[in-house]
PDB file of N, CA and C in Angstrom:
ATOM      1  N   MET A   1     106.956 124.150  64.730  1.00  0.00           N
ATOM      2  CA  MET A   1     106.820 122.820  64.150  1.00  0.00           C
ATOM      3  C   MET A   1     105.404 122.278  64.352  1.00  0.00           C
ATOM      4  N   LEU A   2     104.874 122.403  65.569  1.00  0.00           N
ATOM      5  CA  LEU A   2     103.533 121.920  65.865  1.00  0.00           C
ATOM      6  C   LEU A   2     102.489 122.696  65.058  1.00  0.00           C
ATOM      7  N   ARG A   3     102.741 123.975  64.880  1.00  0.00           N
ATOM      8  CA  ARG A   3     101.803 124.807  64.120  1.00  0.00           C
ATOM      9  C   ARG A   3     101.729 124.349  62.663  1.00  0.00           C
ATOM     10  N   LYS A   4     102.864 123.977  62.054  1.00  0.00           N
ATOM     11  CA  LYS A   4     102.874 123.484  60.678  1.00  0.00           C
ATOM     12  C   LYS A   4     102.098 122.176  60.567  1.00  0.00           C
ATOM     13  N   ILE A   5     102.249 121.307  61.527  1.00  0.00           N
ATOM     14  CA  ILE A   5     101.532 120.027  61.512  1.00  0.00           C
ATOM     15  C   ILE A   5     100.026 120.263  61.590  1.00  0.00           C
ATOM     16  N   ILE A   6      99.606 121.153  62.459  1.00  0.00           N
ATOM     17  CA  ILE A   6      98.173 121.457  62.589  1.00  0.00           C
ATOM     18  C   ILE A   6      97.638 122.047  61.284  1.00  0.00           C
ATOM     19  N   ILE A   7      98.397 122.932  60.669  1.00  0.00           N
ATOM     20  CA  ILE A   7      97.973 123.522  59.399  1.00  0.00           C
ATOM     21  C   ILE A   7      97.842 122.454  58.319  1.00  0.00           C
ATOM     22  N   TYR A   8      98.821 121.525  58.232  1.00  0.00           N
ATOM     23  CA  TYR A   8      98.762 120.453  57.234  1.00  0.00           C
ATOM     24  C   TYR A   8      97.582 119.512  57.487  1.00  0.00           C
ATOM     25  N   VAL A   9      97.304 119.214  58.734  1.00  0.00           N
ATOM     26  CA  VAL A   9      96.177 118.341  59.063  1.00  0.00           C
ATOM     27  C   VAL A   9      94.859 119.022  58.686  1.00  0.00           C
ATOM     28  N   VAL A  10      94.716 120.294  59.024  1.00  0.00           N
ATOM     29  CA  VAL A  10      93.495 121.027  58.679  1.00  0.00           C
ATOM     30  C   VAL A  10      93.342 121.106  57.158  1.00  0.00           C
ATOM     31  N   LEU A  11      94.413 121.376  56.432  1.00  0.00           N
ATOM     32  CA  LEU A  11      94.352 121.414  54.973  1.00  0.00           C
ATOM     33  C   LEU A  11      93.984 120.055  54.386  1.00  0.00           C
ATOM     34  N   ALA A  12      94.547 118.977  54.937  1.00  0.00           N
ATOM     35  CA  ALA A  12      94.229 117.635  54.451  1.00  0.00           C
ATOM     36  C   ALA A  12      92.761 117.298  54.687  1.00  0.00           C
ATOM     37  N   ILE A  13      92.242 117.636  55.865  1.00  0.00           N
ATOM     38  CA  ILE A  13      90.832 117.380  56.167  1.00  0.00           C
ATOM     39  C   ILE A  13      89.934 118.198  55.243  1.00  0.00           C
ATOM     40  N   THR A  14      90.290 119.449  55.023  1.00  0.00           N
ATOM     41  CA  THR A  14      89.521 120.306  54.117  1.00  0.00           C
ATOM     42  C   THR A  14      89.536 119.751  52.700  1.00  0.00           C
ATOM     43  N   LEU A  15      90.677 119.269  52.246  1.00  0.00           N
ATOM     44  CA  LEU A  15      90.783 118.692  50.905  1.00  0.00           C
ATOM     45  C   LEU A  15      89.925 117.431  50.771  1.00  0.00           C
ATOM     46  N   VAL A  16      89.940 116.578  51.779  1.00  0.00           N
ATOM     47  CA  VAL A  16      89.134 115.343  51.745  1.00  0.00           C
ATOM     48  C   VAL A  16      87.642 115.679  51.712  1.00  0.00           C
ATOM     49  N   ILE A  17      87.200 116.599  52.558  1.00  0.00           N
ATOM     50  CA  ILE A  17      85.782 116.971  52.599  1.00  0.00           C
ATOM     51  C   ILE A  17      85.357 117.624  51.285  1.00  0.00           C
ATOM     52  N   THR A  18      86.176 118.508  50.758  1.00  0.00           N
ATOM     53  CA  THR A  18      85.865 119.163  49.485  1.00  0.00           C
ATOM     54  C   THR A  18      85.802 118.142  48.354  1.00  0.00           C
ATOM     55  N   SER A  19      86.730 117.215  48.319  1.00  0.00           N
ATOM     56  CA  SER A  19      86.735 116.173  47.284  1.00  0.00           C
ATOM     57  C   SER A  19      85.484 115.318  47.367  1.00  0.00           C
ATOM     58  N   TYR A  20      85.070 114.956  48.576  1.00  0.00           N
ATOM     59  CA  TYR A  20      83.861 114.153  48.760  1.00  0.00           C
ATOM     60  C   TYR A  20      82.638 114.886  48.215  1.00  0.00           C
ATOM     61  N   PHE A  21      82.459 116.156  48.595  1.00  0.00           N
ATOM     62  CA  PHE A  21      81.299 116.910  48.129  1.00  0.00           C
ATOM     63  C   PHE A  21      81.325 117.118  46.615  1.00  0.00           C
ATOM     64  N   LEU A  22      82.489 117.349  46.036  1.00  0.00           N
ATOM     65  CA  LEU A  22      82.588 117.489  44.587  1.00  0.00           C
ATOM     66  C   LEU A  22      82.246 116.178  43.883  1.00  0.00           C
ATOM     67  N   PHE A  23      82.691 115.059  44.437  1.00  0.00           N
ATOM     68  CA  PHE A  23      82.369 113.750  43.868  1.00  0.00           C
ATOM     69  C   PHE A  23      80.867 113.500  43.909  1.00  0.00           C
ATOM     70  N   VAL A  24      80.254 113.734  45.056  1.00  0.00           N
ATOM     71  CA  VAL A  24      78.807 113.516  45.190  1.00  0.00           C
ATOM     72  C   VAL A  24      78.044 114.446  44.263  1.00  0.00           C
ATOM     73  N   TYR A  25      78.498 115.674  44.103  1.00  0.00           N
ATOM     74  CA  TYR A  25      77.795 116.663  43.285  1.00  0.00           C
ATOM     75  C   TYR A  25      77.866 116.332  41.793  1.00  0.00           C
ATOM     76  N   TYR A  26      79.033 115.912  41.306  1.00  0.00           N
ATOM     77  CA  TYR A  26      79.224 115.750  39.870  1.00  0.00           C
ATOM     78  C   TYR A  26      79.144 114.311  39.362  1.00  0.00           C
ATOM     79  N   ALA A  27      79.467 113.328  40.162  1.00  0.00           N
ATOM     80  CA  ALA A  27      79.534 111.938  39.676  1.00  0.00           C
ATOM     81  C   ALA A  27      78.157 111.287  39.657  1.00  0.00           C
ATOM     82  N   SER A  28      77.893 110.534  38.603  1.00  0.00           N
ATOM     83  CA  SER A  28      76.662 109.752  38.557  1.00  0.00           C
ATOM     84  C   SER A  28      77.021 108.285  38.351  1.00  0.00           C
ATOM     85  N   TYR A  29      76.222 107.419  38.930  1.00  0.00           N
ATOM     86  CA  TYR A  29      76.463 105.984  38.881  1.00  0.00           C
ATOM     87  C   TYR A  29      75.936 105.390  37.577  1.00  0.00           C
ATOM     88  N   SER A  30      74.738 105.807  37.205  1.00  0.00           N
ATOM     89  CA  SER A  30      74.147 105.319  35.960  1.00  0.00           C
ATOM     90  C   SER A  30      73.103 106.318  35.488  1.00  0.00           C
ATOM     91  N   ASP A  31      72.656 106.107  34.263  1.00  0.00           N
ATOM     92  CA  ASP A  31      71.539 106.886  33.753  1.00  0.00           C
ATOM     93  C   ASP A  31      70.696 105.968  32.887  1.00  0.00           C
ATOM     94  N   GLY A  32      69.436 106.336  32.711  1.00  0.00           N
ATOM     95  CA  GLY A  32      68.560 105.471  31.952  1.00  0.00           C
ATOM     96  C   GLY A  32      67.178 106.057  31.782  1.00  0.00           C
ATOM     97  N   VAL A  33      66.276 105.202  31.318  1.00  0.00           N
ATOM     98  CA  VAL A  33      64.896 105.586  31.058  1.00  0.00           C
ATOM     99  C   VAL A  33      63.992 104.535  31.678  1.00  0.00           C
ATOM    100  N   ARG A  34      62.939 104.988  32.323  1.00  0.00           N
ATOM    101  CA  ARG A  34      61.918 104.086  32.861  1.00  0.00           C
ATOM    102  C   ARG A  34      60.557 104.645  32.485  1.00  0.00           C
ATOM    103  N   SER A  35      59.604 103.739  32.367  1.00  0.00           N
ATOM    104  CA  SER A  35      58.260 104.193  32.042  1.00  0.00           C
ATOM    105  C   SER A  35      57.247 103.482  32.915  1.00  0.00           C
ATOM    106  N   GLY A  36      56.134 104.138  33.110  1.00  0.00           N
ATOM    107  CA  GLY A  36      55.060 103.603  33.924  1.00  0.00           C
ATOM    108  C   GLY A  36      54.038 104.688  34.200  1.00  0.00           C
ATOM    109  N   GLN A  37      53.058 104.323  35.009  1.00  0.00           N
ATOM    110  CA  GLN A  37      52.018 105.291  35.357  1.00  0.00           C
ATOM    111  C   GLN A  37      52.498 106.137  36.524  1.00  0.00           C
ATOM    112  N   LEU A  38      52.451 107.439  36.342  1.00  0.00           N
ATOM    113  CA  LEU A  38      52.852 108.367  37.395  1.00  0.00           C
ATOM    114  C   LEU A  38      51.752 108.385  38.455  1.00  0.00           C
ATOM    115  N   ILE A  39      52.037 107.772  39.605  1.00  0.00           N
ATOM    116  CA  ILE A  39      51.000 107.642  40.632  1.00  0.00           C
ATOM    117  C   ILE A  39      51.142 108.648  41.763  1.00  0.00           C
ATOM    118  N   LYS A  40      52.312 109.294  41.866  1.00  0.00           N
ATOM    119  CA  LYS A  40      52.498 110.245  42.956  1.00  0.00           C
ATOM    120  C   LYS A  40      53.569 111.247  42.575  1.00  0.00           C
ATOM    121  N   PHE A  41      53.302 112.514  42.895  1.00  0.00           N
ATOM    122  CA  PHE A  41      54.312 113.547  42.747  1.00  0.00           C
ATOM    123  C   PHE A  41      54.006 114.630  43.771  1.00  0.00           C
ATOM    124  N   SER A  42      54.952 114.894  44.659  1.00  0.00           N
ATOM    125  CA  SER A  42      54.672 115.835  45.742  1.00  0.00           C
ATOM    126  C   SER A  42      55.909 116.636  46.124  1.00  0.00           C
ATOM    127  N   HIS A  43      55.660 117.738  46.798  1.00  0.00           N
ATOM    128  CA  HIS A  43      56.695 118.627  47.331  1.00  0.00           C
ATOM    129  C   HIS A  43      56.666 118.427  48.833  1.00  0.00           C
ATOM    130  N   LYS A  44      57.661 117.721  49.379  1.00  0.00           N
ATOM    131  CA  LYS A  44      57.569 117.353  50.788  1.00  0.00           C
ATOM    132  C   LYS A  44      58.863 117.626  51.533  1.00  0.00           C
ATOM    133  N   GLY A  45      58.754 117.624  52.858  1.00  0.00           N
ATOM    134  CA  GLY A  45      59.905 117.807  53.714  1.00  0.00           C
ATOM    135  C   GLY A  45      59.628 118.808  54.812  1.00  0.00           C
ATOM    136  N   VAL A  46      60.399 118.698  55.885  1.00  0.00           N
ATOM    137  CA  VAL A  46      60.243 119.618  57.004  1.00  0.00           C
ATOM    138  C   VAL A  46      61.293 120.724  56.902  1.00  0.00           C
ATOM    139  N   MET A  47      62.554 120.339  56.966  1.00  0.00           N
ATOM    140  CA  MET A  47      63.625 121.338  56.859  1.00  0.00           C
ATOM    141  C   MET A  47      63.929 121.693  55.405  1.00  0.00           C
ATOM    142  N   PHE A  48      63.970 120.670  54.554  1.00  0.00           N
ATOM    143  CA  PHE A  48      64.272 120.861  53.140  1.00  0.00           C
ATOM    144  C   PHE A  48      63.100 120.335  52.328  1.00  0.00           C
ATOM    145  N   LYS A  49      62.458 121.197  51.570  1.00  0.00           N
ATOM    146  CA  LYS A  49      61.359 120.794  50.688  1.00  0.00           C
ATOM    147  C   LYS A  49      61.958 120.246  49.395  1.00  0.00           C
ATOM    148  N   THR A  50      61.612 118.995  49.076  1.00  0.00           N
ATOM    149  CA  THR A  50      62.118 118.366  47.868  1.00  0.00           C
ATOM    150  C   THR A  50      60.953 117.808  47.059  1.00  0.00           C
ATOM    151  N   TRP A  51      61.169 117.648  45.763  1.00  0.00           N
ATOM    152  CA  TRP A  51      60.161 117.077  44.873  1.00  0.00           C
ATOM    153  C   TRP A  51      60.396 115.574  44.775  1.00  0.00           C
ATOM    154  N   GLU A  52      59.369 114.794  45.131  1.00  0.00           N
ATOM    155  CA  GLU A  52      59.468 113.334  45.141  1.00  0.00           C
ATOM    156  C   GLU A  52      58.313 112.746  44.343  1.00  0.00           C
ATOM    157  N   GLY A  53      58.565 111.646  43.652  1.00  0.00           N
ATOM    158  CA  GLY A  53      57.516 111.016  42.866  1.00  0.00           C
ATOM    159  C   GLY A  53      57.682 109.513  42.798  1.00  0.00           C
ATOM    160  N   GLU A  54      56.636 108.859  42.302  1.00  0.00           N
ATOM    161  CA  GLU A  54      56.646 107.408  42.122  1.00  0.00           C
ATOM    162  C   GLU A  54      55.959 107.053  40.818  1.00  0.00           C
ATOM    163  N   ILE A  55      56.519 106.049  40.165  1.00  0.00           N
ATOM    164  CA  ILE A  55      55.935 105.504  38.951  1.00  0.00           C
ATOM    165  C   ILE A  55      55.609 104.040  39.212  1.00  0.00           C
ATOM    166  N   SER A  56      54.400 103.636  38.884  1.00  0.00           N
ATOM    167  CA  SER A  56      53.998 102.235  38.988  1.00  0.00           C
ATOM    168  C   SER A  56      54.417 101.535  37.703  1.00  0.00           C
ATOM    169  N   GLN A  57      55.186 100.447  37.847  1.00  0.00           N
ATOM    170  CA  GLN A  57      55.687  99.738  36.673  1.00  0.00           C
ATOM    171  C   GLN A  57      55.029  98.373  36.492  1.00  0.00           C
ATOM    172  N   GLY A  58      53.962  98.120  37.210  1.00  0.00           N
ATOM    173  CA  GLY A  58      53.270  96.844  37.085  1.00  0.00           C
ATOM    174  C   GLY A  58      51.775  97.039  37.117  1.00  0.00           C
ATOM    175  N   LEU A  59      51.068  95.976  36.851  1.00  0.00           N
ATOM    176  CA  LEU A  59      49.609  96.055  36.836  1.00  0.00           C
ATOM    177  C   LEU A  59      49.036  96.313  38.216  1.00  0.00           C
ATOM    178  N   SER A  60      49.605  95.690  39.231  1.00  0.00           N
ATOM    179  CA  SER A  60      49.047  95.820  40.577  1.00  0.00           C
ATOM    180  C   SER A  60      49.645  96.985  41.361  1.00  0.00           C
ATOM    181  N   GLY A  61      50.628  97.629  40.817  1.00  0.00           N
ATOM    182  CA  GLY A  61      51.278  98.718  41.532  1.00  0.00           C
ATOM    183  C   GLY A  61      52.310  98.230  42.531  1.00  0.00           C
ATOM    184  N   SER A  62      52.638  96.920  42.464  1.00  0.00           N
ATOM    185  CA  SER A  62      53.605  96.376  43.421  1.00  0.00           C
ATOM    186  C   SER A  62      55.040  96.745  43.072  1.00  0.00           C
ATOM    187  N   GLN A  63      55.299  97.047  41.806  1.00  0.00           N
ATOM    188  CA  GLN A  63      56.631  97.482  41.401  1.00  0.00           C
ATOM    189  C   GLN A  63      56.585  98.989  41.196  1.00  0.00           C
ATOM    190  N   THR A  64      57.272  99.711  42.063  1.00  0.00           N
ATOM    191  CA  THR A  64      57.293 101.162  41.920  1.00  0.00           C
ATOM    192  C   THR A  64      58.724 101.645  41.788  1.00  0.00           C
ATOM    193  N   PHE A  65      58.861 102.739  41.095  1.00  0.00           N
ATOM    194  CA  PHE A  65      60.146 103.417  40.925  1.00  0.00           C
ATOM    195  C   PHE A  65      60.018 104.779  41.590  1.00  0.00           C
ATOM    196  N   SER A  66      60.749 104.976  42.678  1.00  0.00           N
ATOM    197  CA  SER A  66      60.732 106.253  43.398  1.00  0.00           C
ATOM    198  C   SER A  66      61.854 107.132  42.881  1.00  0.00           C
ATOM    199  N   PHE A  67      61.563 108.418  42.746  1.00  0.00           N
ATOM    200  CA  PHE A  67      62.556 109.332  42.197  1.00  0.00           C
ATOM    201  C   PHE A  67      62.412 110.715  42.819  1.00  0.00           C
ATOM    202  N   SER A  68      63.429 111.528  42.604  1.00  0.00           N
ATOM    203  CA  SER A  68      63.437 112.919  43.045  1.00  0.00           C
ATOM    204  C   SER A  68      63.666 113.814  41.834  1.00  0.00           C
ATOM    205  N   VAL A  69      63.325 115.090  41.980  1.00  0.00           N
ATOM    206  CA  VAL A  69      63.582 116.089  40.940  1.00  0.00           C
ATOM    207  C   VAL A  69      64.238 117.285  41.624  1.00  0.00           C
ATOM    208  N   LEU A  70      65.326 117.761  41.059  1.00  0.00           N
ATOM    209  CA  LEU A  70      66.016 118.918  41.624  1.00  0.00           C
ATOM    210  C   LEU A  70      65.185 120.181  41.410  1.00  0.00           C
ATOM    211  N   ASP A  71      65.290 121.128  42.333  1.00  0.00           N
ATOM    212  CA  ASP A  71      64.549 122.391  42.232  1.00  0.00           C
ATOM    213  C   ASP A  71      64.879 123.168  40.961  1.00  0.00           C
ATOM    214  N   LYS A  72      66.083 123.021  40.455  1.00  0.00           N
ATOM    215  CA  LYS A  72      66.489 123.774  39.257  1.00  0.00           C
ATOM    216  C   LYS A  72      65.777 123.295  37.998  1.00  0.00           C
ATOM    217  N   ASP A  73      65.196 122.090  38.019  1.00  0.00           N
ATOM    218  CA  ASP A  73      64.505 121.527  36.861  1.00  0.00           C
ATOM    219  C   ASP A  73      63.006 121.839  36.924  1.00  0.00           C
ATOM    220  N   GLN A  74      62.659 123.117  36.897  1.00  0.00           N
ATOM    221  CA  GLN A  74      61.264 123.533  37.044  1.00  0.00           C
ATOM    222  C   GLN A  74      60.387 123.097  35.873  1.00  0.00           C
ATOM    223  N   THR A  75      60.937 122.968  34.683  1.00  0.00           N
ATOM    224  CA  THR A  75      60.119 122.490  33.561  1.00  0.00           C
ATOM    225  C   THR A  75      59.703 121.034  33.792  1.00  0.00           C
ATOM    226  N   VAL A  76      60.606 120.224  34.324  1.00  0.00           N
ATOM    227  CA  VAL A  76      60.284 118.832  34.642  1.00  0.00           C
ATOM    228  C   VAL A  76      59.227 118.783  35.742  1.00  0.00           C
ATOM    229  N   VAL A  77      59.358 119.633  36.755  1.00  0.00           N
ATOM    230  CA  VAL A  77      58.382 119.686  37.847  1.00  0.00           C
ATOM    231  C   VAL A  77      57.001 120.010  37.293  1.00  0.00           C
ATOM    232  N   GLN A  78      56.899 121.013  36.430  1.00  0.00           N
ATOM    233  CA  GLN A  78      55.612 121.402  35.865  1.00  0.00           C
ATOM    234  C   GLN A  78      55.008 120.289  35.007  1.00  0.00           C
ATOM    235  N   GLU A  79      55.846 119.632  34.200  1.00  0.00           N
ATOM    236  CA  GLU A  79      55.351 118.545  33.361  1.00  0.00           C
ATOM    237  C   GLU A  79      54.865 117.369  34.202  1.00  0.00           C
ATOM    238  N   LEU A  80      55.583 117.039  35.272  1.00  0.00           N
ATOM    239  CA  LEU A  80      55.156 115.940  36.133  1.00  0.00           C
ATOM    240  C   LEU A  80      53.836 116.262  36.829  1.00  0.00           C
ATOM    241  N   LYS A  81      53.643 117.510  37.202  1.00  0.00           N
ATOM    242  CA  LYS A  81      52.363 117.919  37.792  1.00  0.00           C
ATOM    243  C   LYS A  81      51.221 117.703  36.796  1.00  0.00           C
ATOM    244  N   GLU A  82      51.467 118.046  35.544  1.00  0.00           N
ATOM    245  CA  GLU A  82      50.440 117.902  34.507  1.00  0.00           C
ATOM    246  C   GLU A  82      50.154 116.446  34.165  1.00  0.00           C
ATOM    247  N   PHE A  83      51.183 115.584  34.210  1.00  0.00           N
ATOM    248  CA  PHE A  83      51.055 114.198  33.771  1.00  0.00           C
ATOM    249  C   PHE A  83      50.648 113.234  34.882  1.00  0.00           C
ATOM    250  N   GLU A  84      50.382 113.711  36.087  1.00  0.00           N
ATOM    251  CA  GLU A  84      50.044 112.798  37.184  1.00  0.00           C
ATOM    252  C   GLU A  84      48.825 111.966  36.821  1.00  0.00           C
ATOM    253  N   GLY A  85      48.945 110.654  37.053  1.00  0.00           N
ATOM    254  CA  GLY A  85      47.882 109.709  36.721  1.00  0.00           C
ATOM    255  C   GLY A  85      47.999 109.144  35.317  1.00  0.00           C
ATOM    256  N   GLN A  86      48.915 109.665  34.513  1.00  0.00           N
ATOM    257  CA  GLN A  86      49.075 109.214  33.129  1.00  0.00           C
ATOM    258  C   GLN A  86      50.333 108.364  32.982  1.00  0.00           C
ATOM    259  N   TYR A  87      50.458 107.717  31.861  1.00  0.00           N
ATOM    260  CA  TYR A  87      51.619 106.889  31.552  1.00  0.00           C
ATOM    261  C   TYR A  87      52.726 107.788  31.022  1.00  0.00           C
ATOM    262  N   VAL A  88      53.900 107.720  31.627  1.00  0.00           N
ATOM    263  CA  VAL A  88      55.011 108.603  31.258  1.00  0.00           C
ATOM    264  C   VAL A  88      56.300 107.807  31.092  1.00  0.00           C
ATOM    265  N   LYS A  89      57.242 108.424  30.402  1.00  0.00           N
ATOM    266  CA  LYS A  89      58.596 107.897  30.268  1.00  0.00           C
ATOM    267  C   LYS A  89      59.530 108.940  30.855  1.00  0.00           C
ATOM    268  N   VAL A  90      60.342 108.552  31.848  1.00  0.00           N
ATOM    269  CA  VAL A  90      61.251 109.499  32.504  1.00  0.00           C
ATOM    270  C   VAL A  90      62.700 109.115  32.228  1.00  0.00           C
ATOM    271  N   THR A  91      63.511 110.129  32.018  1.00  0.00           N
ATOM    272  CA  THR A  91      64.950 109.954  31.899  1.00  0.00           C
ATOM    273  C   THR A  91      65.551 110.354  33.242  1.00  0.00           C
ATOM    274  N   TYR A  92      66.454 109.534  33.762  1.00  0.00           N
ATOM    275  CA  TYR A  92      66.977 109.777  35.099  1.00  0.00           C
ATOM    276  C   TYR A  92      68.484 109.563  35.170  1.00  0.00           C
ATOM    277  N   LYS A  93      69.064 110.098  36.241  1.00  0.00           N
ATOM    278  CA  LYS A  93      70.459 109.851  36.610  1.00  0.00           C
ATOM    279  C   LYS A  93      70.457 109.259  38.003  1.00  0.00           C
ATOM    280  N   GLU A  94      71.214 108.188  38.185  1.00  0.00           N
ATOM    281  CA  GLU A  94      71.375 107.610  39.513  1.00  0.00           C
ATOM    282  C   GLU A  94      72.708 108.085  40.068  1.00  0.00           C
ATOM    283  N   ARG A  95      72.682 108.612  41.265  1.00  0.00           N
ATOM    284  CA  ARG A  95      73.891 109.125  41.898  1.00  0.00           C
ATOM    285  C   ARG A  95      74.357 108.171  42.998  1.00  0.00           C
ATOM    286  N   TYR A  96      75.617 108.280  43.353  1.00  0.00           N
ATOM    287  CA  TYR A  96      76.160 107.456  44.434  1.00  0.00           C
ATOM    288  C   TYR A  96      75.519 107.815  45.776  1.00  0.00           C
ATOM    289  N   ARG A  97      75.395 109.075  46.011  1.00  0.00           N
ATOM    290  CA  ARG A  97      74.808 109.602  47.249  1.00  0.00           C
ATOM    291  C   ARG A  97      73.988 110.836  46.910  1.00  0.00           C
ATOM    292  N   THR A  98      73.293 111.340  47.909  1.00  0.00           N
ATOM    293  CA  THR A  98      72.508 112.550  47.713  1.00  0.00           C
ATOM    294  C   THR A  98      72.657 113.453  48.932  1.00  0.00           C
ATOM    295  N   PHE A  99      72.298 114.685  48.762  1.00  0.00           N
ATOM    296  CA  PHE A  99      72.260 115.631  49.870  1.00  0.00           C
ATOM    297  C   PHE A  99      70.815 115.744  50.347  1.00  0.00           C
ATOM    298  N   PRO A 100      70.588 116.046  51.618  1.00  0.00           N
ATOM    299  CA  PRO A 100      69.205 116.168  52.116  1.00  0.00           C
ATOM    300  C   PRO A 100      68.394 117.230  51.387  1.00  0.00           C
ATOM    301  N   TRP A 101      69.026 118.267  50.885  1.00  0.00           N
ATOM    302  CA  TRP A 101      68.302 119.333  50.190  1.00  0.00           C
ATOM    303  C   TRP A 101      68.062 118.994  48.720  1.00  0.00           C
ATOM    304  N   TRP A 102      68.584 117.866  48.227  1.00  0.00           N
ATOM    305  CA  TRP A 102      68.328 117.431  46.858  1.00  0.00           C
ATOM    306  C   TRP A 102      67.095 116.548  46.763  1.00  0.00           C
ATOM    307  N   GLY A 103      66.995 115.560  47.672  1.00  0.00           N
ATOM    308  CA  GLY A 103      65.876 114.635  47.603  1.00  0.00           C
ATOM    309  C   GLY A 103      66.110 113.396  48.446  1.00  0.00           C
ATOM    310  N   ASP A 104      65.061 112.558  48.525  1.00  0.00           N
ATOM    311  CA  ASP A 104      65.115 111.353  49.349  1.00  0.00           C
ATOM    312  C   ASP A 104      65.755 110.164  48.638  1.00  0.00           C
ATOM    313  N   THR A 105      65.767 110.163  47.323  1.00  0.00           N
ATOM    314  CA  THR A 105      66.278 109.012  46.580  1.00  0.00           C
ATOM    315  C   THR A 105      67.592 109.346  45.898  1.00  0.00           C
ATOM    316  N   LYS A 106      68.205 108.310  45.317  1.00  0.00           N
ATOM    317  CA  LYS A 106      69.424 108.501  44.540  1.00  0.00           C
ATOM    318  C   LYS A 106      69.114 108.665  43.055  1.00  0.00           C
ATOM    319  N   TYR A 107      67.834 108.591  42.694  1.00  0.00           N
ATOM    320  CA  TYR A 107      67.411 108.698  41.298  1.00  0.00           C
ATOM    321  C   TYR A 107      66.841 110.094  41.052  1.00  0.00           C
ATOM    322  N   PHE A 108      67.403 110.804  40.083  1.00  0.00           N
ATOM    323  CA  PHE A 108      66.983 112.170  39.792  1.00  0.00           C
ATOM    324  C   PHE A 108      66.514 112.269  38.348  1.00  0.00           C
ATOM    325  N   VAL A 109      65.233 112.597  38.174  1.00  0.00           N
ATOM    326  CA  VAL A 109      64.638 112.703  36.852  1.00  0.00           C
ATOM    327  C   VAL A 109      65.085 114.010  36.212  1.00  0.00           C
ATOM    328  N   THR A 110      65.539 113.908  34.960  1.00  0.00           N
ATOM    329  CA  THR A 110      66.008 115.081  34.224  1.00  0.00           C
ATOM    330  C   THR A 110      65.106 115.427  33.046  1.00  0.00           C
ATOM    331  N   ASP A 111      64.227 114.490  32.651  1.00  0.00           N
ATOM    332  CA  ASP A 111      63.313 114.744  31.541  1.00  0.00           C
ATOM    333  C   ASP A 111      62.111 113.818  31.680  1.00  0.00           C
ATOM    334  N   VAL A 112      60.963 114.271  31.212  1.00  0.00           N
ATOM    335  CA  VAL A 112      59.741 113.465  31.254  1.00  0.00           C
ATOM    336  C   VAL A 112      58.973 113.674  29.954  1.00  0.00           C
ATOM    337  N   GLN A 113      58.399 112.581  29.454  1.00  0.00           N
ATOM    338  CA  GLN A 113      57.576 112.634  28.248  1.00  0.00           C
ATOM    339  C   GLN A 113      56.332 111.799  28.478  1.00  0.00           C
ATOM    340  N   LYS A 114      55.226 112.272  27.959  1.00  0.00           N
ATOM    341  CA  LYS A 114      53.999 111.488  27.998  1.00  0.00           C
ATOM    342  C   LYS A 114      54.185 110.312  27.032  1.00  0.00           C
ATOM    343  N   ASP A 115      53.745 109.120  27.455  1.00  0.00           N
ATOM    344  CA  ASP A 115      53.947 107.919  26.654  1.00  0.00           C
ATOM    345  C   ASP A 115      52.626 107.169  26.516  1.00  0.00           C
ATOM    346  N   LYS A 116      52.581 106.267  25.582  1.00  0.00           N
ATOM    347  CA  LYS A 116      51.379 105.467  25.368  1.00  0.00           C
ATOM    348  C   LYS A 116      51.463 104.222  26.252  1.00  0.00           C
ATOM    349  N   SER A 117      50.400 103.941  26.976  1.00  0.00           N
ATOM    350  CA  SER A 117      50.371 102.796  27.872  1.00  0.00           C
ATOM    351  C   SER A 117      50.274 101.492  27.081  1.00  0.00           C
ATOM    352  N   PRO A 118      51.081 100.493  27.423  1.00  0.00           N
ATOM    353  CA  PRO A 118      50.999  99.199  26.716  1.00  0.00           C
ATOM    354  C   PRO A 118      49.786  98.383  27.179  1.00  0.00           C
ATOM    355  N   PHE A 119      49.104  98.809  28.223  1.00  0.00           N
ATOM    356  CA  PHE A 119      47.991  98.039  28.775  1.00  0.00           C
ATOM    357  C   PHE A 119      46.654  98.418  28.173  1.00  0.00           C
ATOM    358  N   ASN A 120      46.609  99.413  27.297  1.00  0.00           N
ATOM    359  CA  ASN A 120      45.338  99.831  26.679  1.00  0.00           C
ATOM    360  C   ASN A 120      45.102  99.135  25.378  1.00  0.00           C
TER     361      ASN A 120
END
């Protein structure tokens, strides 16, 4: 009897943990587009190297949008490297949570396009 209870408890805990990771992996909170000057893009981290960037959305640089890029999106990584310092439009997904090996933010860029600056 005690053995069955332990098995059910272990199965329930495993199901809860698996459900949590599946939810974090597949669910997104929102998606959208932001534009601004790409002021930073780097590959950083000690244990997990992640791609992180920032877009300035104001004249003084006081409004910034921080984002991450998944390693699997290598075309986006290459384009962001090329567009650094230029005005860009990024498409992103906001997630409820993130894993340490994904990135520092909850915003994940999935596409980037060079855009015309409204300040010129």
